[in-house]
C-alpha cells in the first residue's frame, strides 16, 4: 500500500498577511513622546550688555531637591505659599530691601532714548504705559531662578513651575482688571504688550544638577 503524502501548507501568503498587519499597526498606533516644556529663550546679549551683574536681591532662588522638597531662598516652603511669594517679590509693595528692585517706567523710557540704537517698539510701549496706565508704574528687576535636582520627579517640577507662571499671570490679570476692567486675555495686542513689558516671564531655568538635601 502506497504511503499517503503529507499535504504542504503554503505559508507564503500568511507571511505577506503578517507583514501587512505589522505595517498597519505601525502606521495607526500613536506613541506619547515627552517633548519637554516649550520655552522661548531671550536673545543673546549684544555689545556692552554681555557682562550683566544681577544684584543678589533681584534673584528669587527656587530649589527642588531629590526628595521633591521645595526651598525658597534656602528655606523649606510649602508649595501653596509659592505663588503669593513670587508676586510679592516682583511688585515689592513695601520697598523691602530683600525683595526685587523697582525702576519707574519714565526711567526705562529715558534709558532707551539715550541708547545709540534705541528700540522704537519699546519706546512706543513705554509711552503707551505712561499715557494709559500712568507715570507711576514700576518695573521689577527681579528674576526667578528655578533649579531642580536630577532626582526630582517631573510632575513635581511642573507643579512648581506652574505656580511661578501662575503668579505672573495673576499680576497681569490684576492690573488689566484695575485699568481696563477685564482680564488679560480679553485685552487687545497693544494692551497685552504693555502688561508683558511690566510683568515679563522673568524665569531662569537651570539644567538639573545634584543639589544638597
C-alpha atoms as a PDB file:
ATOM      1  CA  UNK A   1       0.000   0.000   0.000  1.00  0.00           C
ATOM      2  CA  UNK A   2       1.459   3.378  -1.007  1.00  0.00           C
ATOM      3  CA  UNK A   3       2.166   5.845   1.775  1.00  0.00           C
ATOM      4  CA  UNK A   4      -0.044   8.917   1.646  1.00  0.00           C
ATOM      5  CA  UNK A   5       1.936  12.159   1.203  1.00  0.00           C
ATOM      6  CA  UNK A   6       1.576  14.825   3.896  1.00  0.00           C
ATOM      7  CA  UNK A   7      -0.101  17.889   2.406  1.00  0.00           C
ATOM      8  CA  UNK A   8       2.073  21.019   2.477  1.00  0.00           C
ATOM      9  CA  UNK A   9       0.773  24.316   3.780  1.00  0.00           C
ATOM     10  CA  UNK A  10       1.603  27.309   1.656  1.00  0.00           C
ATOM     11  CA  UNK A  11       2.943  29.782   4.246  1.00  0.00           C
ATOM     12  CA  UNK A  12       3.941  32.393   1.711  1.00  0.00           C
ATOM     13  CA  UNK A  13       0.580  34.151   1.770  1.00  0.00           C
ATOM     14  CA  UNK A  14       0.477  34.084   5.599  1.00  0.00           C
ATOM     15  CA  UNK A  15       3.827  35.862   5.766  1.00  0.00           C
ATOM     16  CA  UNK A  16       2.505  38.540   3.446  1.00  0.00           C
ATOM     17  CA  UNK A  17      -0.579  38.984   5.613  1.00  0.00           C
ATOM     18  CA  UNK A  18       1.531  39.219   8.783  1.00  0.00           C
ATOM     19  CA  UNK A  19       3.773  41.814   7.148  1.00  0.00           C
ATOM     20  CA  UNK A  20       0.779  43.896   6.077  1.00  0.00           C
ATOM     21  CA  UNK A  21      -0.700  43.709   9.586  1.00  0.00           C
ATOM     22  CA  UNK A  22       2.632  44.859  11.041  1.00  0.00           C
ATOM     23  CA  UNK A  23       2.705  47.861   8.730  1.00  0.00           C
ATOM     24  CA  UNK A  24      -0.923  48.637   9.607  1.00  0.00           C
ATOM     25  CA  UNK A  25      -0.248  48.689  13.355  1.00  0.00           C
ATOM     26  CA  UNK A  26       2.923  50.773  12.918  1.00  0.00           C
ATOM     27  CA  UNK A  27       1.045  53.369  10.898  1.00  0.00           C
ATOM     28  CA  UNK A  28      -2.072  53.577  13.063  1.00  0.00           C
ATOM     29  CA  UNK A  29      -0.518  53.296  16.531  1.00  0.00           C
ATOM     30  CA  UNK A  30       0.286  56.576  18.285  1.00  0.00           C
ATOM     31  CA  UNK A  31       3.021  56.816  20.893  1.00  0.00           C
ATOM     32  CA  UNK A  32       3.219  59.532  23.520  1.00  0.00           C
ATOM     33  CA  UNK A  33       6.527  61.344  23.328  1.00  0.00           C
ATOM     34  CA  UNK A  34       7.692  63.598  26.137  1.00  0.00           C
ATOM     35  CA  UNK A  35       8.885  66.677  24.265  1.00  0.00           C
ATOM     36  CA  UNK A  36       9.605  68.729  27.392  1.00  0.00           C
ATOM     37  CA  UNK A  37       8.462  72.241  28.169  1.00  0.00           C
ATOM     38  CA  UNK A  38       8.305  74.787  25.376  1.00  0.00           C
ATOM     39  CA  UNK A  39      10.053  77.967  26.466  1.00  0.00           C
ATOM     40  CA  UNK A  40      11.083  80.868  24.266  1.00  0.00           C
ATOM     41  CA  UNK A  41      14.544  81.940  25.364  1.00  0.00           C
ATOM     42  CA  UNK A  42      15.599  85.598  25.219  1.00  0.00           C
ATOM     43  CA  UNK A  43      18.087  86.622  22.505  1.00  0.00           C
ATOM     44  CA  UNK A  44      21.782  86.654  23.447  1.00  0.00           C
ATOM     45  CA  UNK A  45      23.006  89.967  24.850  1.00  0.00           C
ATOM     46  CA  UNK A  46      24.774  92.319  22.466  1.00  0.00           C
ATOM     47  CA  UNK A  47      27.825  94.561  22.917  1.00  0.00           C
ATOM     48  CA  UNK A  48      28.186  96.115  26.327  1.00  0.00           C
ATOM     49  CA  UNK A  49      25.256  94.098  27.677  1.00  0.00           C
ATOM     50  CA  UNK A  50      27.220  90.830  27.603  1.00  0.00           C
ATOM     51  CA  UNK A  51      28.540  91.161  31.167  1.00  0.00           C
ATOM     52  CA  UNK A  52      25.462  91.917  33.232  1.00  0.00           C
ATOM     53  CA  UNK A  53      25.746  91.611  37.011  1.00  0.00           C
ATOM     54  CA  UNK A  54      22.445  90.904  38.752  1.00  0.00           C
ATOM     55  CA  UNK A  55      22.083  92.177  42.296  1.00  0.00           C
ATOM     56  CA  UNK A  56      21.562  89.324  44.751  1.00  0.00           C
ATOM     57  CA  UNK A  57      18.282  90.816  45.994  1.00  0.00           C
ATOM     58  CA  UNK A  58      16.885  90.558  42.451  1.00  0.00           C
ATOM     59  CA  UNK A  59      17.251  86.784  42.258  1.00  0.00           C
ATOM     60  CA  UNK A  60      14.426  84.714  43.739  1.00  0.00           C
ATOM     61  CA  UNK A  61      16.010  81.270  44.115  1.00  0.00           C
ATOM     62  CA  UNK A  62      13.624  78.304  43.999  1.00  0.00           C
ATOM     63  CA  UNK A  63      15.129  74.842  44.556  1.00  0.00           C
ATOM     64  CA  UNK A  64      13.500  71.410  44.336  1.00  0.00           C
ATOM     65  CA  UNK A  65      15.637  68.591  45.790  1.00  0.00           C
ATOM     66  CA  UNK A  66      15.672  64.857  45.051  1.00  0.00           C
ATOM     67  CA  UNK A  67      13.009  64.298  47.725  1.00  0.00           C
ATOM     68  CA  UNK A  68      10.746  66.786  45.890  1.00  0.00           C
ATOM     69  CA  UNK A  69      11.002  69.288  48.730  1.00  0.00           C
ATOM     70  CA  UNK A  70      10.685  72.956  47.834  1.00  0.00           C
ATOM     71  CA  UNK A  71      13.114  75.542  49.184  1.00  0.00           C
ATOM     72  CA  UNK A  72      12.814  79.290  48.579  1.00  0.00           C
ATOM     73  CA  UNK A  73      15.946  81.314  49.328  1.00  0.00           C
ATOM     74  CA  UNK A  74      17.283  78.409  51.341  1.00  0.00           C
ATOM     75  CA  UNK A  75      14.163  77.859  53.481  1.00  0.00           C
ATOM     76  CA  UNK A  76      11.842  74.856  53.120  1.00  0.00           C
ATOM     77  CA  UNK A  77       8.489  76.179  51.918  1.00  0.00           C
ATOM     78  CA  UNK A  78       5.012  74.834  51.204  1.00  0.00           C
ATOM     79  CA  UNK A  79       4.158  74.942  47.509  1.00  0.00           C
ATOM     80  CA  UNK A  80       0.810  76.561  48.377  1.00  0.00           C
ATOM     81  CA  UNK A  81       2.697  79.679  49.518  1.00  0.00           C
ATOM     82  CA  UNK A  82       4.927  79.963  46.458  1.00  0.00           C
ATOM     83  CA  UNK A  83       2.560  81.896  44.171  1.00  0.00           C
ATOM     84  CA  UNK A  84       1.993  84.734  46.659  1.00  0.00           C
ATOM     85  CA  UNK A  85       5.708  84.839  47.483  1.00  0.00           C
ATOM     86  CA  UNK A  86       6.616  85.273  43.815  1.00  0.00           C
ATOM     87  CA  UNK A  87       4.023  88.042  43.386  1.00  0.00           C
ATOM     88  CA  UNK A  88       5.316  89.898  46.439  1.00  0.00           C
ATOM     89  CA  UNK A  89       8.901  89.523  45.219  1.00  0.00           C
ATOM     90  CA  UNK A  90       8.092  91.081  41.837  1.00  0.00           C
ATOM     91  CA  UNK A  91       5.977  94.030  42.990  1.00  0.00           C
ATOM     92  CA  UNK A  92       7.778  94.689  46.318  1.00  0.00           C
ATOM     93  CA  UNK A  93       4.890  96.810  47.673  1.00  0.00           C
ATOM     94  CA  UNK A  94       6.746  97.967  50.808  1.00  0.00           C
ATOM     95  CA  UNK A  95      10.101  98.646  49.106  1.00  0.00           C
ATOM     96  CA  UNK A  96      11.691  95.845  51.120  1.00  0.00           C
ATOM     97  CA  UNK A  97      15.489  95.774  50.558  1.00  0.00           C
ATOM     98  CA  UNK A  98      15.332  91.956  50.482  1.00  0.00           C
ATOM     99  CA  UNK A  99      12.898  91.911  47.548  1.00  0.00           C
ATOM    100  CA  UNK A 100      13.433  92.957  43.934  1.00  0.00           C
ATOM    101  CA  UNK A 101      14.467  96.468  42.956  1.00  0.00           C
ATOM    102  CA  UNK A 102      11.930  98.614  41.106  1.00  0.00           C
ATOM    103  CA  UNK A 103      12.509 101.009  38.209  1.00  0.00           C
ATOM    104  CA  UNK A 104       9.985 103.607  37.070  1.00  0.00           C
ATOM    105  CA  UNK A 105       8.606 103.486  33.528  1.00  0.00           C
ATOM    106  CA  UNK A 106       9.837 107.035  32.851  1.00  0.00           C
ATOM    107  CA  UNK A 107      13.363 105.953  33.793  1.00  0.00           C
ATOM    108  CA  UNK A 108      13.078 102.956  31.446  1.00  0.00           C
ATOM    109  CA  UNK A 109      11.973 105.280  28.667  1.00  0.00           C
ATOM    110  CA  UNK A 110      14.832 107.711  29.281  1.00  0.00           C
ATOM    111  CA  UNK A 111      17.388 104.883  29.321  1.00  0.00           C
ATOM    112  CA  UNK A 112      16.082 103.598  25.989  1.00  0.00           C
ATOM    113  CA  UNK A 113      16.143 107.063  24.407  1.00  0.00           C
ATOM    114  CA  UNK A 114      19.807 107.531  25.415  1.00  0.00           C
ATOM    115  CA  UNK A 115      20.955 104.386  23.599  1.00  0.00           C
ATOM    116  CA  UNK A 116      22.819 104.667  20.313  1.00  0.00           C
ATOM    117  CA  UNK A 117      20.243 102.408  18.670  1.00  0.00           C
ATOM    118  CA  UNK A 118      17.031 102.762  20.685  1.00  0.00           C
ATOM    119  CA  UNK A 119      14.341 100.114  20.340  1.00  0.00           C
ATOM    120  CA  UNK A 120      11.389 102.029  18.908  1.00  0.00           C
ATOM    121  CA  UNK A 121       8.953  99.236  19.798  1.00  0.00           C
ATOM    122  CA  UNK A 122       9.889  99.526  23.466  1.00  0.00           C
ATOM    123  CA  UNK A 123       9.723 103.324  23.321  1.00  0.00           C
ATOM    124  CA  UNK A 124       6.181 103.089  21.965  1.00  0.00           C
ATOM    125  CA  UNK A 125       5.230 100.607  24.680  1.00  0.00           C
ATOM    126  CA  UNK A 126       6.679 102.816  27.434  1.00  0.00           C
ATOM    127  CA  UNK A 127       4.821 105.857  26.085  1.00  0.00           C
ATOM    128  CA  UNK A 128       1.586 103.862  25.959  1.00  0.00           C
ATOM    129  CA  UNK A 129       2.091 102.783  29.576  1.00  0.00           C
ATOM    130  CA  UNK A 130       2.617 106.373  30.693  1.00  0.00           C
ATOM    131  CA  UNK A 131      -0.436 107.600  28.795  1.00  0.00           C
ATOM    132  CA  UNK A 132      -2.880 104.755  29.512  1.00  0.00           C
ATOM    133  CA  UNK A 133      -1.793 103.392  32.908  1.00  0.00           C
ATOM    134  CA  UNK A 134       0.175 106.255  34.395  1.00  0.00           C
ATOM    135  CA  UNK A 135       3.733 107.504  35.025  1.00  0.00           C
ATOM    136  CA  UNK A 136       3.741 105.849  38.452  1.00  0.00           C
ATOM    137  CA  UNK A 137       4.157 102.333  37.007  1.00  0.00           C
ATOM    138  CA  UNK A 138       7.251 100.483  38.211  1.00  0.00           C
ATOM    139  CA  UNK A 139       9.054  97.607  36.531  1.00  0.00           C
ATOM    140  CA  UNK A 140      10.782  94.876  38.501  1.00  0.00           C
ATOM    141  CA  UNK A 141      14.424  93.966  38.080  1.00  0.00           C
ATOM    142  CA  UNK A 142      13.680  90.582  39.620  1.00  0.00           C
ATOM    143  CA  UNK A 143      14.320  87.139  38.118  1.00  0.00           C
ATOM    144  CA  UNK A 144      13.083  83.791  39.416  1.00  0.00           C
ATOM    145  CA  UNK A 145      15.836  81.169  39.314  1.00  0.00           C
ATOM    146  CA  UNK A 146      14.260  77.693  39.216  1.00  0.00           C
ATOM    147  CA  UNK A 147      16.647  74.799  39.858  1.00  0.00           C
ATOM    148  CA  UNK A 148      15.949  71.133  40.440  1.00  0.00           C
ATOM    149  CA  UNK A 149      17.862  68.015  41.385  1.00  0.00           C
ATOM    150  CA  UNK A 150      18.414  65.201  38.889  1.00  0.00           C
ATOM    151  CA  UNK A 151      16.236  63.029  41.098  1.00  0.00           C
ATOM    152  CA  UNK A 152      13.271  65.436  41.180  1.00  0.00           C
ATOM    153  CA  UNK A 153      10.047  63.977  39.823  1.00  0.00           C
ATOM    154  CA  UNK A 154       8.963  65.606  36.574  1.00  0.00           C
ATOM    155  CA  UNK A 155       5.420  66.097  37.874  1.00  0.00           C
ATOM    156  CA  UNK A 156       6.712  67.933  40.930  1.00  0.00           C
ATOM    157  CA  UNK A 157       8.878  70.185  38.769  1.00  0.00           C
ATOM    158  CA  UNK A 158       5.870  71.071  36.598  1.00  0.00           C
ATOM    159  CA  UNK A 159       3.810  71.799  39.715  1.00  0.00           C
ATOM    160  CA  UNK A 160       6.423  74.265  40.978  1.00  0.00           C
ATOM    161  CA  UNK A 161       6.838  75.882  37.564  1.00  0.00           C
ATOM    162  CA  UNK A 162       3.069  76.233  37.211  1.00  0.00           C
ATOM    163  CA  UNK A 163       2.890  78.224  40.462  1.00  0.00           C
ATOM    164  CA  UNK A 164       5.599  80.624  39.267  1.00  0.00           C
ATOM    165  CA  UNK A 165       3.961  81.160  35.868  1.00  0.00           C
ATOM    166  CA  UNK A 166       0.586  81.449  37.595  1.00  0.00           C
ATOM    167  CA  UNK A 167       1.908  84.267  39.797  1.00  0.00           C
ATOM    168  CA  UNK A 168       2.944  86.315  36.757  1.00  0.00           C
ATOM    169  CA  UNK A 169      -0.370  85.642  35.019  1.00  0.00           C
ATOM    170  CA  UNK A 170      -2.252  86.777  38.115  1.00  0.00           C
ATOM    171  CA  UNK A 171      -0.259  90.013  38.273  1.00  0.00           C
ATOM    172  CA  UNK A 172      -1.160  90.707  34.647  1.00  0.00           C
ATOM    173  CA  UNK A 173      -4.819  89.918  35.258  1.00  0.00           C
ATOM    174  CA  UNK A 174      -4.990  92.095  38.360  1.00  0.00           C
ATOM    175  CA  UNK A 175      -3.535  95.119  36.581  1.00  0.00           C
ATOM    176  CA  UNK A 176      -5.690  94.507  33.489  1.00  0.00           C
ATOM    177  CA  UNK A 177      -8.843  94.471  35.621  1.00  0.00           C
ATOM    178  CA  UNK A 178      -7.713  97.562  37.523  1.00  0.00           C
ATOM    179  CA  UNK A 179      -7.011  99.615  34.386  1.00  0.00           C
ATOM    180  CA  UNK A 180      -9.405  98.267  31.754  1.00  0.00           C
ATOM    181  CA  UNK A 181     -11.922  96.265  33.778  1.00  0.00           C
ATOM    182  CA  UNK A 182     -11.263  92.942  32.045  1.00  0.00           C
ATOM    183  CA  UNK A 183      -8.756  90.068  32.276  1.00  0.00           C
ATOM    184  CA  UNK A 184      -5.514  89.914  30.333  1.00  0.00           C
ATOM    185  CA  UNK A 185      -6.724  87.505  27.633  1.00  0.00           C
ATOM    186  CA  UNK A 186      -9.527  89.902  26.634  1.00  0.00           C
ATOM    187  CA  UNK A 187      -7.175  92.834  26.040  1.00  0.00           C
ATOM    188  CA  UNK A 188      -6.071  93.903  22.583  1.00  0.00           C
ATOM    189  CA  UNK A 189      -2.498  93.318  21.405  1.00  0.00           C
ATOM    190  CA  UNK A 190      -1.315  96.803  22.344  1.00  0.00           C
ATOM    191  CA  UNK A 191      -2.642  96.477  25.898  1.00  0.00           C
ATOM    192  CA  UNK A 192      -1.183  92.981  26.293  1.00  0.00           C
ATOM    193  CA  UNK A 193       2.233  94.206  25.134  1.00  0.00           C
ATOM    194  CA  UNK A 194       2.189  96.815  27.888  1.00  0.00           C
ATOM    195  CA  UNK A 195       1.483  94.255  30.603  1.00  0.00           C
ATOM    196  CA  UNK A 196       4.042  91.819  29.186  1.00  0.00           C
ATOM    197  CA  UNK A 197       6.641  94.558  29.496  1.00  0.00           C
ATOM    198  CA  UNK A 198       5.618  95.353  33.076  1.00  0.00           C
ATOM    199  CA  UNK A 199       5.375  91.700  34.147  1.00  0.00           C
ATOM    200  CA  UNK A 200       7.597  89.611  31.846  1.00  0.00           C
ATOM    201  CA  UNK A 201       8.171  85.907  32.280  1.00  0.00           C
ATOM    202  CA  UNK A 202      11.491  86.548  34.023  1.00  0.00           C
ATOM    203  CA  UNK A 203      12.222  82.900  34.808  1.00  0.00           C
ATOM    204  CA  UNK A 204      15.653  81.304  34.594  1.00  0.00           C
ATOM    205  CA  UNK A 205      15.522  77.501  34.439  1.00  0.00           C
ATOM    206  CA  UNK A 206      18.880  75.907  35.145  1.00  0.00           C
ATOM    207  CA  UNK A 207      19.911  72.468  33.932  1.00  0.00           C
ATOM    208  CA  UNK A 208      19.193  69.743  36.534  1.00  0.00           C
ATOM    209  CA  UNK A 209      22.073  69.006  38.889  1.00  0.00           C
ATOM    210  CA  UNK A 210      22.766  67.248  42.166  1.00  0.00           C
ATOM    211  CA  UNK A 211      21.527  69.523  44.931  1.00  0.00           C
ATOM    212  CA  UNK A 212      22.209  69.122  48.613  1.00  0.00           C
ATOM    213  CA  UNK A 213      19.195  67.956  50.629  1.00  0.00           C
END
